[in-house]
Amino acid sequence: MVKRTAFIAIVVLFMGRLYAQVKVEQLNYRGWDESYRITNGLVEVIVVPKIGRIMSYRFVDGENILWENEKWFGKLRRDAKPNEWANFGGDKVWPAPQAQWNEVMGRSWPPDEAFDGGECTAIELQDGVELVTPVSPHYGAWLVREIRLSADSSKLIIKQRLEKLRLPLVEMLIWSVTQIRSPDLVIMPLSRESKFEKGYTVLSKAEPEYCKREGDFLLLRRDPKKATKVGADSKECWLASFHGDVVFIQRAQYREHEVYPDGGCTIEVYTNPDELPYVELELMSPIFKLGLGEEARFDISWELHKLKFVPQNDSERLQVIKELIYRSEPPN
């Protein structure tokens, strides 16, 4: 076996080239008109206001990291049958802890129709797009998302603002849910001071078939036979997935002295079985109880990293993540 050294030297974030500007243009994407393509020549982002989602994030010469459901191409939320989830794929936000949905919406599933699949108002920005959801009929709030691409790297900054406009006054959060193609591996950080006995908690009936703790990290793979979910209360609010020679990282900021959902979870990972082979990376804000006219914010960032080799085992993947994560800080 060839020993690999200086991992940082073989990880390419900026690709050795500077990109001078971000280009934003409208297009018809998979049957959705008035969609937006955002690119800096290095990466490409597709935003679809018709369904309120980011549907693609990739290197311009690479595959989409996000999972897309072909069944729903070109369709809208209103095309769903009663009590059917319009599972488009891509990235969206849910507005409240799932345990409270039945009390507020009168149903435990599907998610809120304004935040998940509602047609958004779109404002074109110099370096991206701003999306404003409809006002939720259940939560009396809307979400504003500024989606901005760096001019000279893969970094995507997503600024998220929840605005309370109407009654009722109920607990809410900003719960970023990103459906990705089935990865080689997902890594999540664990806290040494965790409330959970294992450093993480199982939020489904069973753990994933491959769920392994390595020091301060949890390594996960999608279970092909059953739906699974785990969460962690780490103050290092990031998640990472491996896709061959590409690494996808999401980051957020931890907030001290705040209450987080699901017993204190700041990050969660859901895996879906083979019928629809995707994984959800989930970044959780604290729980808010907003008064009328008040707002709450929860910003996140995405990064793509291109490696000069395909990691051959989880030890190599873990070493790559240690180099990538601990050489830079989450966004302010």
C-alpha atoms as a PDB file:
ATOM      1  CA  MET A   1       0.000   0.000   0.000  1.00  0.00           C
ATOM      2  CA  VAL A   2       1.288   3.446  -0.911  1.00  0.00           C
ATOM      3  CA  LYS A   3       1.440   5.755   2.095  1.00  0.00           C
ATOM      4  CA  ARG A   4      -0.301   9.054   1.500  1.00  0.00           C
ATOM      5  CA  THR A   5       1.205  12.156   3.073  1.00  0.00           C
ATOM      6  CA  ALA A   6       0.484  15.885   3.046  1.00  0.00           C
ATOM      7  CA  PHE A   7      -3.234  15.434   2.377  1.00  0.00           C
ATOM      8  CA  ILE A   8      -3.712  19.153   2.290  1.00  0.00           C
ATOM      9  CA  ALA A   9      -1.487  19.378  -0.775  1.00  0.00           C
ATOM     10  CA  ILE A  10      -3.699  17.045  -2.771  1.00  0.00           C
ATOM     11  CA  VAL A  11      -6.967  18.703  -1.853  1.00  0.00           C
ATOM     12  CA  VAL A  12      -7.976  21.358  -4.360  1.00  0.00           C
ATOM     13  CA  LEU A  13     -10.541  23.955  -3.308  1.00  0.00           C
ATOM     14  CA  PHE A  14      -9.734  26.900  -5.557  1.00  0.00           C
ATOM     15  CA  MET A  15      -8.524  24.738  -8.447  1.00  0.00           C
ATOM     16  CA  GLY A  16      -5.448  26.926  -8.946  1.00  0.00           C
ATOM     17  CA  ARG A  17      -7.371  29.595 -10.802  1.00  0.00           C
ATOM     18  CA  LEU A  18      -9.188  32.811  -9.920  1.00  0.00           C
ATOM     19  CA  TYR A  19     -12.682  33.403 -11.220  1.00  0.00           C
ATOM     20  CA  ALA A  20     -13.426  37.079 -11.677  1.00  0.00           C
ATOM     21  CA  GLN A  21     -17.195  37.180 -11.528  1.00  0.00           C
ATOM     22  CA  VAL A  22     -20.434  35.360 -10.920  1.00  0.00           C
ATOM     23  CA  LYS A  23     -22.881  34.986 -13.782  1.00  0.00           C
ATOM     24  CA  VAL A  24     -26.612  34.718 -13.072  1.00  0.00           C
ATOM     25  CA  GLU A  25     -29.045  33.792 -15.833  1.00  0.00           C
ATOM     26  CA  GLN A  26     -32.571  32.451 -16.190  1.00  0.00           C
ATOM     27  CA  LEU A  27     -33.311  29.126 -17.857  1.00  0.00           C
ATOM     28  CA  ASN A  28     -35.869  26.363 -18.090  1.00  0.00           C
ATOM     29  CA  TYR A  29     -34.569  23.586 -15.856  1.00  0.00           C
ATOM     30  CA  ARG A  30     -36.112  20.132 -16.204  1.00  0.00           C
ATOM     31  CA  GLY A  31     -39.458  21.665 -17.151  1.00  0.00           C
ATOM     32  CA  TRP A  32     -39.464  24.462 -14.545  1.00  0.00           C
ATOM     33  CA  ASP A  33     -39.362  27.832 -16.259  1.00  0.00           C
ATOM     34  CA  GLU A  34     -37.922  30.972 -14.661  1.00  0.00           C
ATOM     35  CA  SER A  35     -35.217  28.937 -12.903  1.00  0.00           C
ATOM     36  CA  TYR A  36     -31.762  30.409 -12.267  1.00  0.00           C
ATOM     37  CA  ARG A  37     -28.273  29.218 -13.121  1.00  0.00           C
ATOM     38  CA  ILE A  38     -25.524  30.741 -10.961  1.00  0.00           C
ATOM     39  CA  THR A  39     -21.927  30.041 -11.940  1.00  0.00           C
ATOM     40  CA  ASN A  40     -18.420  31.400 -11.486  1.00  0.00           C
ATOM     41  CA  GLY A  41     -16.834  29.083 -14.038  1.00  0.00           C
ATOM     42  CA  LEU A  42     -15.785  26.648 -11.318  1.00  0.00           C
ATOM     43  CA  VAL A  43     -19.125  25.517  -9.881  1.00  0.00           C
ATOM     44  CA  GLU A  44     -22.745  25.774 -10.953  1.00  0.00           C
ATOM     45  CA  VAL A  45     -25.860  26.201  -8.795  1.00  0.00           C
ATOM     46  CA  ILE A  46     -29.431  25.779 -10.046  1.00  0.00           C
ATOM     47  CA  VAL A  47     -32.245  27.467  -8.092  1.00  0.00           C
ATOM     48  CA  VAL A  48     -35.889  26.708  -8.931  1.00  0.00           C
ATOM     49  CA  PRO A  49     -38.263  29.322  -7.450  1.00  0.00           C
ATOM     50  CA  LYS A  50     -41.329  27.433  -8.729  1.00  0.00           C
ATOM     51  CA  ILE A  51     -40.708  24.814  -6.031  1.00  0.00           C
ATOM     52  CA  GLY A  52     -38.566  26.880  -3.637  1.00  0.00           C
ATOM     53  CA  ARG A  53     -35.465  24.723  -3.939  1.00  0.00           C
ATOM     54  CA  ILE A  54     -31.816  24.562  -4.806  1.00  0.00           C
ATOM     55  CA  MET A  55     -31.821  21.635  -7.225  1.00  0.00           C
ATOM     56  CA  SER A  56     -28.211  21.389  -8.353  1.00  0.00           C
ATOM     57  CA  TYR A  57     -24.759  22.090  -6.921  1.00  0.00           C
ATOM     58  CA  ARG A  58     -21.772  20.762  -8.841  1.00  0.00           C
ATOM     59  CA  PHE A  59     -18.423  21.460 -10.400  1.00  0.00           C
ATOM     60  CA  VAL A  60     -19.107  22.645 -13.956  1.00  0.00           C
ATOM     61  CA  ASP A  61     -17.428  19.486 -15.277  1.00  0.00           C
ATOM     62  CA  GLY A  62     -18.849  17.177 -12.620  1.00  0.00           C
ATOM     63  CA  GLU A  63     -22.023  15.486 -11.404  1.00  0.00           C
ATOM     64  CA  ASN A  64     -24.737  17.101  -9.331  1.00  0.00           C
ATOM     65  CA  ILE A  65     -24.185  16.393  -5.629  1.00  0.00           C
ATOM     66  CA  LEU A  66     -27.885  16.861  -4.890  1.00  0.00           C
ATOM     67  CA  TRP A  67     -30.416  14.101  -5.447  1.00  0.00           C
ATOM     68  CA  GLU A  68     -33.264  14.815  -7.866  1.00  0.00           C
ATOM     69  CA  ASN A  69     -36.486  12.851  -8.229  1.00  0.00           C
ATOM     70  CA  GLU A  70     -37.208  12.335 -11.943  1.00  0.00           C
ATOM     71  CA  LYS A  71     -40.858  11.567 -11.140  1.00  0.00           C
ATOM     72  CA  TRP A  72     -41.367  15.212 -10.175  1.00  0.00           C
ATOM     73  CA  PHE A  73     -39.481  16.976 -12.975  1.00  0.00           C
ATOM     74  CA  GLY A  74     -41.510  19.970 -14.152  1.00  0.00           C
ATOM     75  CA  LYS A  75     -44.291  19.409 -11.623  1.00  0.00           C
ATOM     76  CA  LEU A  76     -45.465  21.703  -8.816  1.00  0.00           C
ATOM     77  CA  ARG A  77     -46.538  21.297  -5.220  1.00  0.00           C
ATOM     78  CA  ARG A  78     -50.195  21.500  -6.242  1.00  0.00           C
ATOM     79  CA  ASP A  79     -49.743  18.388  -8.406  1.00  0.00           C
ATOM     80  CA  ALA A  80     -49.396  16.278  -5.265  1.00  0.00           C
ATOM     81  CA  LYS A  81     -52.367  14.200  -4.155  1.00  0.00           C
ATOM     82  CA  PRO A  82     -53.952  14.942  -0.757  1.00  0.00           C
ATOM     83  CA  ASN A  83     -51.510  13.980   2.005  1.00  0.00           C
ATOM     84  CA  GLU A  84     -48.796  13.199  -0.571  1.00  0.00           C
ATOM     85  CA  TRP A  85     -45.332  14.693  -0.168  1.00  0.00           C
ATOM     86  CA  ALA A  86     -44.035  16.352  -3.306  1.00  0.00           C
ATOM     87  CA  ASN A  87     -40.576  14.812  -2.984  1.00  0.00           C
ATOM     88  CA  PHE A  88     -38.701  16.861  -5.582  1.00  0.00           C
ATOM     89  CA  GLY A  89     -35.266  16.302  -4.049  1.00  0.00           C
ATOM     90  CA  GLY A  90     -32.770  19.132  -3.744  1.00  0.00           C
ATOM     91  CA  ASP A  91     -32.498  21.521  -0.799  1.00  0.00           C
ATOM     92  CA  LYS A  92     -35.209  23.290   1.207  1.00  0.00           C
ATOM     93  CA  VAL A  93     -36.120  24.423   4.739  1.00  0.00           C
ATOM     94  CA  TRP A  94     -38.702  23.136   7.207  1.00  0.00           C
ATOM     95  CA  PRO A  95     -40.067  25.652   9.744  1.00  0.00           C
ATOM     96  CA  ALA A  96     -40.618  23.722  12.965  1.00  0.00           C
ATOM     97  CA  PRO A  97     -39.663  20.628  14.977  1.00  0.00           C
ATOM     98  CA  GLN A  98     -41.368  17.637  13.398  1.00  0.00           C
ATOM     99  CA  ALA A  99     -42.757  16.466  16.726  1.00  0.00           C
ATOM    100  CA  GLN A 100     -44.983  19.569  16.765  1.00  0.00           C
ATOM    101  CA  TRP A 101     -46.330  19.394  13.222  1.00  0.00           C
ATOM    102  CA  ASN A 102     -49.501  17.521  14.131  1.00  0.00           C
ATOM    103  CA  GLU A 103     -50.393  20.014  16.858  1.00  0.00           C
ATOM    104  CA  VAL A 104     -49.901  23.066  14.625  1.00  0.00           C
ATOM    105  CA  MET A 105     -50.872  21.767  11.152  1.00  0.00           C
ATOM    106  CA  GLY A 106     -53.326  19.052  12.145  1.00  0.00           C
ATOM    107  CA  ARG A 107     -51.142  16.466  10.419  1.00  0.00           C
ATOM    108  CA  SER A 108     -47.789  14.842  11.033  1.00  0.00           C
ATOM    109  CA  TRP A 109     -46.983  14.577   7.308  1.00  0.00           C
ATOM    110  CA  PRO A 110     -46.438  15.988   4.673  1.00  0.00           C
ATOM    111  CA  PRO A 111     -44.405  19.104   5.583  1.00  0.00           C
ATOM    112  CA  ASP A 112     -45.670  22.696   5.479  1.00  0.00           C
ATOM    113  CA  GLU A 113     -46.760  23.474   1.913  1.00  0.00           C
ATOM    114  CA  ALA A 114     -45.413  27.048   1.889  1.00  0.00           C
ATOM    115  CA  PHE A 115     -41.869  26.218   3.021  1.00  0.00           C
ATOM    116  CA  ASP A 116     -41.623  22.854   1.265  1.00  0.00           C
ATOM    117  CA  GLY A 117     -42.577  23.221  -2.380  1.00  0.00           C
ATOM    118  CA  GLY A 118     -44.339  26.579  -2.300  1.00  0.00           C
ATOM    119  CA  GLU A 119     -43.706  28.869  -5.271  1.00  0.00           C
ATOM    120  CA  CYS A 120     -41.272  31.566  -4.164  1.00  0.00           C
ATOM    121  CA  THR A 121     -40.822  35.161  -5.174  1.00  0.00           C
ATOM    122  CA  ALA A 122     -37.351  35.447  -6.708  1.00  0.00           C
ATOM    123  CA  ILE A 123     -35.091  38.482  -6.791  1.00  0.00           C
ATOM    124  CA  GLU A 124     -31.982  38.269  -8.943  1.00  0.00           C
ATOM    125  CA  LEU A 125     -28.804  39.388  -7.177  1.00  0.00           C
ATOM    126  CA  GLN A 126     -25.406  40.230  -8.618  1.00  0.00           C
ATOM    127  CA  ASP A 127     -23.966  36.985  -7.284  1.00  0.00           C
ATOM    128  CA  GLY A 128     -27.040  34.853  -6.744  1.00  0.00           C
ATOM    129  CA  VAL A 129     -30.774  34.809  -6.045  1.00  0.00           C
ATOM    130  CA  GLU A 130     -33.026  35.736  -3.130  1.00  0.00           C
ATOM    131  CA  LEU A 131     -36.063  33.529  -2.520  1.00  0.00           C
ATOM    132  CA  VAL A 132     -39.088  34.506  -0.431  1.00  0.00           C
ATOM    133  CA  THR A 133     -41.541  31.732   0.394  1.00  0.00           C
ATOM    134  CA  PRO A 134     -45.286  32.240   0.619  1.00  0.00           C
ATOM    135  CA  VAL A 135     -46.612  32.954   4.112  1.00  0.00           C
ATOM    136  CA  SER A 136     -47.259  29.642   5.835  1.00  0.00           C
ATOM    137  CA  PRO A 137     -50.984  29.159   6.532  1.00  0.00           C
ATOM    138  CA  HIS A 138     -50.012  27.195   9.640  1.00  0.00           C
ATOM    139  CA  TYR A 139     -47.109  29.165  11.102  1.00  0.00           C
ATOM    140  CA  GLY A 140     -47.895  32.702   9.919  1.00  0.00           C
ATOM    141  CA  ALA A 141     -44.309  33.276   8.775  1.00  0.00           C
ATOM    142  CA  TRP A 142     -42.222  33.298   5.632  1.00  0.00           C
ATOM    143  CA  LEU A 143     -38.603  32.516   4.953  1.00  0.00           C
ATOM    144  CA  VAL A 144     -36.159  34.706   3.060  1.00  0.00           C
ATOM    145  CA  ARG A 145     -33.080  32.942   1.640  1.00  0.00           C
ATOM    146  CA  GLU A 146     -30.185  34.814   0.048  1.00  0.00           C
ATOM    147  CA  ILE A 147     -28.226  32.325  -2.044  1.00  0.00           C
ATOM    148  CA  ARG A 148     -24.865  33.829  -3.028  1.00  0.00           C
ATOM    149  CA  LEU A 149     -21.918  32.211  -4.798  1.00  0.00           C
ATOM    150  CA  SER A 150     -18.323  33.258  -4.189  1.00  0.00           C
ATOM    151  CA  ALA A 151     -16.570  34.699  -7.237  1.00  0.00           C
ATOM    152  CA  ASP A 152     -13.358  32.748  -6.737  1.00  0.00           C
ATOM    153  CA  SER A 153     -14.186  29.466  -4.976  1.00  0.00           C
ATOM    154  CA  SER A 154     -16.845  26.794  -4.599  1.00  0.00           C
ATOM    155  CA  LYS A 155     -18.324  28.413  -1.484  1.00  0.00           C
ATOM    156  CA  LEU A 156     -22.062  29.030  -1.470  1.00  0.00           C
ATOM    157  CA  ILE A 157     -23.365  31.261   1.339  1.00  0.00           C
ATOM    158  CA  ILE A 158     -27.045  30.845   2.215  1.00  0.00           C
ATOM    159  CA  LYS A 159     -28.373  33.576   4.509  1.00  0.00           C
ATOM    160  CA  GLN A 160     -31.715  32.578   5.997  1.00  0.00           C
ATOM    161  CA  ARG A 161     -34.199  34.839   7.740  1.00  0.00           C
ATOM    162  CA  LEU A 162     -37.493  33.746   9.295  1.00  0.00           C
ATOM    163  CA  GLU A 163     -40.025  36.594   9.605  1.00  0.00           C
ATOM    164  CA  LYS A 164     -43.132  36.302  11.773  1.00  0.00           C
ATOM    165  CA  LEU A 165     -46.094  38.066  10.143  1.00  0.00           C
ATOM    166  CA  ARG A 166     -49.260  36.504  11.578  1.00  0.00           C
ATOM    167  CA  LEU A 167     -50.607  34.370  14.398  1.00  0.00           C
ATOM    168  CA  PRO A 168     -50.295  31.776  15.857  1.00  0.00           C
ATOM    169  CA  LEU A 169     -47.355  32.330  18.208  1.00  0.00           C
ATOM    170  CA  VAL A 170     -45.717  28.909  18.167  1.00  0.00           C
ATOM    171  CA  GLU A 171     -42.221  27.480  18.348  1.00  0.00           C
ATOM    172  CA  MET A 172     -40.324  27.496  15.062  1.00  0.00           C
ATOM    173  CA  LEU A 173     -36.832  26.874  13.717  1.00  0.00           C
ATOM    174  CA  ILE A 174     -34.868  27.021  10.487  1.00  0.00           C
ATOM    175  CA  TRP A 175     -34.231  23.401   9.553  1.00  0.00           C
ATOM    176  CA  SER A 176     -32.101  23.083   6.422  1.00  0.00           C
ATOM    177  CA  VAL A 177     -32.721  19.764   4.676  1.00  0.00           C
ATOM    178  CA  THR A 178     -30.431  18.827   1.779  1.00  0.00           C
ATOM    179  CA  GLN A 179     -31.091  15.642  -0.185  1.00  0.00           C
ATOM    180  CA  ILE A 180     -27.886  14.309  -1.733  1.00  0.00           C
ATOM    181  CA  ARG A 181     -27.058  11.408  -4.017  1.00  0.00           C
ATOM    182  CA  SER A 182     -26.151   8.264  -2.106  1.00  0.00           C
ATOM    183  CA  PRO A 183     -22.587   9.002  -0.925  1.00  0.00           C
ATOM    184  CA  ASP A 184     -19.615   6.758  -0.288  1.00  0.00           C
ATOM    185  CA  LEU A 185     -19.598   7.999   3.299  1.00  0.00           C
ATOM    186  CA  VAL A 186     -21.062  10.683   5.580  1.00  0.00           C
ATOM    187  CA  ILE A 187     -19.035  12.049   8.481  1.00  0.00           C
ATOM    188  CA  MET A 188     -20.464  14.041  11.383  1.00  0.00           C
ATOM    189  CA  PRO A 189     -18.620  15.446  14.423  1.00  0.00           C
ATOM    190  CA  LEU A 190     -19.439  14.284  17.944  1.00  0.00           C
ATOM    191  CA  SER A 191     -19.113  16.130  21.237  1.00  0.00           C
ATOM    192  CA  ARG A 192     -17.013  14.747  24.078  1.00  0.00           C
ATOM    193  CA  GLU A 193     -19.528  16.423  26.407  1.00  0.00           C
ATOM    194  CA  SER A 194     -22.580  14.998  24.666  1.00  0.00           C
ATOM    195  CA  LYS A 195     -25.857  14.443  26.493  1.00  0.00           C
ATOM    196  CA  PHE A 196     -26.202  11.228  24.554  1.00  0.00           C
ATOM    197  CA  GLU A 197     -24.618   8.046  25.871  1.00  0.00           C
ATOM    198  CA  LYS A 198     -22.964   7.154  22.558  1.00  0.00           C
ATOM    199  CA  GLY A 199     -22.270  10.771  21.592  1.00  0.00           C
ATOM    200  CA  TYR A 200     -25.207  10.612  19.182  1.00  0.00           C
ATOM    201  CA  THR A 201     -28.873   9.623  19.279  1.00  0.00           C
ATOM    202  CA  VAL A 202     -30.849   7.293  17.028  1.00  0.00           C
ATOM    203  CA  LEU A 203     -34.010   9.042  15.824  1.00  0.00           C
ATOM    204  CA  SER A 204     -35.379   6.108  13.833  1.00  0.00           C
ATOM    205  CA  LYS A 205     -36.488   2.620  14.852  1.00  0.00           C
ATOM    206  CA  ALA A 206     -33.023   1.228  14.152  1.00  0.00           C
ATOM    207  CA  GLU A 207     -29.493   2.454  13.502  1.00  0.00           C
ATOM    208  CA  PRO A 208     -28.078   2.399   9.988  1.00  0.00           C
ATOM    209  CA  GLU A 209     -26.392  -0.873   9.115  1.00  0.00           C
ATOM    210  CA  TYR A 210     -23.071   0.995   8.962  1.00  0.00           C
ATOM    211  CA  CYS A 211     -22.823   3.469  11.833  1.00  0.00           C
ATOM    212  CA  LYS A 212     -19.359   3.581  13.354  1.00  0.00           C
ATOM    213  CA  ARG A 213     -17.752   5.903  15.865  1.00  0.00           C
ATOM    214  CA  GLU A 214     -14.111   6.818  15.240  1.00  0.00           C
ATOM    215  CA  GLY A 215     -12.889   9.075  18.044  1.00  0.00           C
ATOM    216  CA  ASP A 216     -14.794  12.357  17.806  1.00  0.00           C
ATOM    217  CA  PHE A 217     -16.506  11.434  14.535  1.00  0.00           C
ATOM    218  CA  LEU A 218     -19.424   9.300  13.421  1.00  0.00           C
ATOM    219  CA  LEU A 219     -19.123   7.512  10.060  1.00  0.00           C
ATOM    220  CA  LEU A 220     -22.345   6.593   8.260  1.00  0.00           C
ATOM    221  CA  ARG A 221     -23.484   4.886   5.103  1.00  0.00           C
ATOM    222  CA  ARG A 222     -26.943   4.736   3.613  1.00  0.00           C
ATOM    223  CA  ASP A 223     -28.839   1.633   4.672  1.00  0.00           C
ATOM    224  CA  PRO A 224     -30.197  -0.049   1.518  1.00  0.00           C
ATOM    225  CA  LYS A 225     -33.138  -1.758   3.259  1.00  0.00           C
ATOM    226  CA  LYS A 226     -34.593   0.682   5.770  1.00  0.00           C
ATOM    227  CA  ALA A 227     -35.010   4.353   6.579  1.00  0.00           C
ATOM    228  CA  THR A 228     -32.683   5.518   9.361  1.00  0.00           C
ATOM    229  CA  LYS A 229     -31.869   8.734  11.160  1.00  0.00           C
ATOM    230  CA  VAL A 230     -29.289   9.846  13.697  1.00  0.00           C
ATOM    231  CA  GLY A 231     -28.570  13.174  15.357  1.00  0.00           C
ATOM    232  CA  ALA A 232     -25.754  14.724  17.381  1.00  0.00           C
ATOM    233  CA  ASP A 233     -25.410  17.661  19.775  1.00  0.00           C
ATOM    234  CA  SER A 234     -21.973  18.726  18.560  1.00  0.00           C
ATOM    235  CA  LYS A 235     -21.025  22.389  18.800  1.00  0.00           C
ATOM    236  CA  GLU A 236     -19.080  21.852  15.582  1.00  0.00           C
ATOM    237  CA  CYS A 237     -22.036  22.272  13.272  1.00  0.00           C
ATOM    238  CA  TRP A 238     -20.862  20.670  10.052  1.00  0.00           C
ATOM    239  CA  LEU A 239     -21.610  17.628   7.920  1.00  0.00           C
ATOM    240  CA  ALA A 240     -19.532  16.104   5.133  1.00  0.00           C
ATOM    241  CA  SER A 241     -20.183  13.570   2.379  1.00  0.00           C
ATOM    242  CA  PHE A 242     -17.835  11.801  -0.033  1.00  0.00           C
ATOM    243  CA  HIS A 243     -18.697  11.209  -3.696  1.00  0.00           C
ATOM    244  CA  GLY A 244     -15.709   9.567  -5.369  1.00  0.00           C
ATOM    245  CA  ASP A 245     -13.059  12.290  -5.590  1.00  0.00           C
ATOM    246  CA  VAL A 246     -15.448  15.079  -4.511  1.00  0.00           C
ATOM    247  CA  VAL A 247     -16.204  16.143  -0.935  1.00  0.00           C
ATOM    248  CA  PHE A 248     -19.305  18.146  -0.007  1.00  0.00           C
ATOM    249  CA  ILE A 249     -19.264  20.100   3.264  1.00  0.00           C
ATOM    250  CA  GLN A 250     -22.027  22.083   4.959  1.00  0.00           C
ATOM    251  CA  ARG A 251     -21.339  24.390   7.907  1.00  0.00           C
ATOM    252  CA  ALA A 252     -23.250  26.508  10.413  1.00  0.00           C
ATOM    253  CA  GLN A 253     -22.534  28.318  13.680  1.00  0.00           C
ATOM    254  CA  TYR A 254     -23.402  26.951  17.109  1.00  0.00           C
ATOM    255  CA  ARG A 255     -25.235  29.282  19.499  1.00  0.00           C
ATOM    256  CA  GLU A 256     -24.521  28.986  23.194  1.00  0.00           C
ATOM    257  CA  HIS A 257     -27.355  28.914  25.744  1.00  0.00           C
ATOM    258  CA  GLU A 258     -30.006  28.151  23.119  1.00  0.00           C
ATOM    259  CA  VAL A 259     -32.408  25.203  22.979  1.00  0.00           C
ATOM    260  CA  TYR A 260     -32.021  22.861  20.013  1.00  0.00           C
ATOM    261  CA  PRO A 261     -34.592  20.277  18.826  1.00  0.00           C
ATOM    262  CA  ASP A 262     -34.660  16.506  19.330  1.00  0.00           C
ATOM    263  CA  GLY A 263     -32.967  16.629  22.720  1.00  0.00           C
ATOM    264  CA  GLY A 264     -30.339  19.140  21.686  1.00  0.00           C
ATOM    265  CA  CYS A 265     -29.431  18.047  18.135  1.00  0.00           C
ATOM    266  CA  THR A 266     -27.584  20.582  16.000  1.00  0.00           C
ATOM    267  CA  ILE A 267     -26.977  18.193  13.094  1.00  0.00           C
ATOM    268  CA  GLU A 268     -28.890  15.184  11.788  1.00  0.00           C
ATOM    269  CA  VAL A 269     -28.538  12.659   8.961  1.00  0.00           C
ATOM    270  CA  TYR A 270     -31.396  10.713   7.411  1.00  0.00           C
ATOM    271  CA  THR A 271     -30.865   7.816   4.987  1.00  0.00           C
ATOM    272  CA  ASN A 272     -33.512   6.456   2.615  1.00  0.00           C
ATOM    273  CA  PRO A 273     -33.633   2.859   1.330  1.00  0.00           C
ATOM    274  CA  ASP A 274     -32.974   1.683  -2.218  1.00  0.00           C
ATOM    275  CA  GLU A 275     -36.371   2.599  -3.719  1.00  0.00           C
ATOM    276  CA  LEU A 276     -35.239   6.260  -3.624  1.00  0.00           C
ATOM    277  CA  PRO A 277     -31.518   6.152  -2.836  1.00  0.00           C
ATOM    278  CA  TYR A 278     -30.749   9.457  -1.157  1.00  0.00           C
ATOM    279  CA  VAL A 279     -29.389  10.843   2.091  1.00  0.00           C
ATOM    280  CA  GLU A 280     -30.459  14.028   3.888  1.00  0.00           C
ATOM    281  CA  LEU A 281     -27.897  16.311   5.504  1.00  0.00           C
ATOM    282  CA  GLU A 282     -29.734  18.430   8.070  1.00  0.00           C
ATOM    283  CA  LEU A 283     -28.460  21.541   9.855  1.00  0.00           C
ATOM    284  CA  MET A 284     -30.654  22.700  12.734  1.00  0.00           C
ATOM    285  CA  SER A 285     -31.100  26.179  14.141  1.00  0.00           C
ATOM    286  CA  PRO A 286     -32.116  26.733  17.763  1.00  0.00           C
ATOM    287  CA  ILE A 287     -35.839  26.813  18.502  1.00  0.00           C
ATOM    288  CA  PHE A 288     -37.394  30.283  18.284  1.00  0.00           C
ATOM    289  CA  LYS A 289     -40.689  31.656  19.584  1.00  0.00           C
ATOM    290  CA  LEU A 290     -41.136  34.867  17.654  1.00  0.00           C
ATOM    291  CA  GLY A 291     -43.563  37.680  18.339  1.00  0.00           C
ATOM    292  CA  LEU A 292     -45.352  39.458  15.521  1.00  0.00           C
ATOM    293  CA  GLY A 293     -42.885  41.489  13.497  1.00  0.00           C
ATOM    294  CA  GLU A 294     -39.861  39.661  14.900  1.00  0.00           C
ATOM    295  CA  GLU A 295     -37.317  37.688  12.901  1.00  0.00           C
ATOM    296  CA  ALA A 296     -34.678  35.012  13.410  1.00  0.00           C
ATOM    297  CA  ARG A 297     -31.595  34.188  11.355  1.00  0.00           C
ATOM    298  CA  PHE A 298     -29.618  31.040  10.651  1.00  0.00           C
ATOM    299  CA  ASP A 299     -26.921  31.199   7.987  1.00  0.00           C
ATOM    300  CA  ILE A 300     -25.151  28.220   6.483  1.00  0.00           C
ATOM    301  CA  SER A 301     -22.460  27.608   3.874  1.00  0.00           C
ATOM    302  CA  TRP A 302     -21.657  24.894   1.351  1.00  0.00           C
ATOM    303  CA  GLU A 303     -18.321  23.882  -0.169  1.00  0.00           C
ATOM    304  CA  LEU A 304     -17.172  21.427  -2.808  1.00  0.00           C
ATOM    305  CA  HIS A 305     -13.615  20.079  -2.720  1.00  0.00           C
ATOM    306  CA  LYS A 306     -12.006  18.200  -5.586  1.00  0.00           C
ATOM    307  CA  LEU A 307      -9.382  15.626  -4.632  1.00  0.00           C
ATOM    308  CA  LYS A 308      -6.525  14.433  -6.818  1.00  0.00           C
ATOM    309  CA  PHE A 309      -7.322  10.862  -5.881  1.00  0.00           C
ATOM    310  CA  VAL A 310     -10.292   8.746  -4.828  1.00  0.00           C
ATOM    311  CA  PRO A 311      -9.952   7.711  -1.166  1.00  0.00           C
ATOM    312  CA  GLN A 312      -9.707   3.940  -0.915  1.00  0.00           C
ATOM    313  CA  ASN A 313     -10.959   3.506   2.648  1.00  0.00           C
ATOM    314  CA  ASP A 314     -12.589   5.347   5.525  1.00  0.00           C
ATOM    315  CA  SER A 315      -9.285   6.070   7.229  1.00  0.00           C
ATOM    316  CA  GLU A 316      -8.233   8.095   4.194  1.00  0.00           C
ATOM    317  CA  ARG A 317     -11.612   9.843   4.080  1.00  0.00           C
ATOM    318  CA  LEU A 318     -11.384  10.752   7.749  1.00  0.00           C
ATOM    319  CA  GLN A 319      -7.898  12.167   7.287  1.00  0.00           C
ATOM    320  CA  VAL A 320      -9.106  14.315   4.386  1.00  0.00           C
ATOM    321  CA  ILE A 321     -11.930  15.704   6.520  1.00  0.00           C
ATOM    322  CA  LYS A 322      -9.623  16.543   9.385  1.00  0.00           C
ATOM    323  CA  GLU A 323      -7.438  18.530   7.005  1.00  0.00           C
ATOM    324  CA  LEU A 324     -10.357  20.314   5.357  1.00  0.00           C
ATOM    325  CA  ILE A 325     -12.400  21.154   8.428  1.00  0.00           C
ATOM    326  CA  TYR A 326      -9.750  22.274  10.846  1.00  0.00           C
ATOM    327  CA  ARG A 327      -7.846  24.547   8.536  1.00  0.00           C
ATOM    328  CA  SER A 328     -10.760  27.009   8.198  1.00  0.00           C
ATOM    329  CA  GLU A 329     -13.655  28.354  10.266  1.00  0.00           C
ATOM    330  CA  PRO A 330     -17.447  28.410   9.771  1.00  0.00           C
ATOM    331  CA  PRO A 331     -18.991  31.638   8.389  1.00  0.00           C
ATOM    332  CA  ASN A 332     -19.805  34.487  10.787  1.00  0.00           C
END
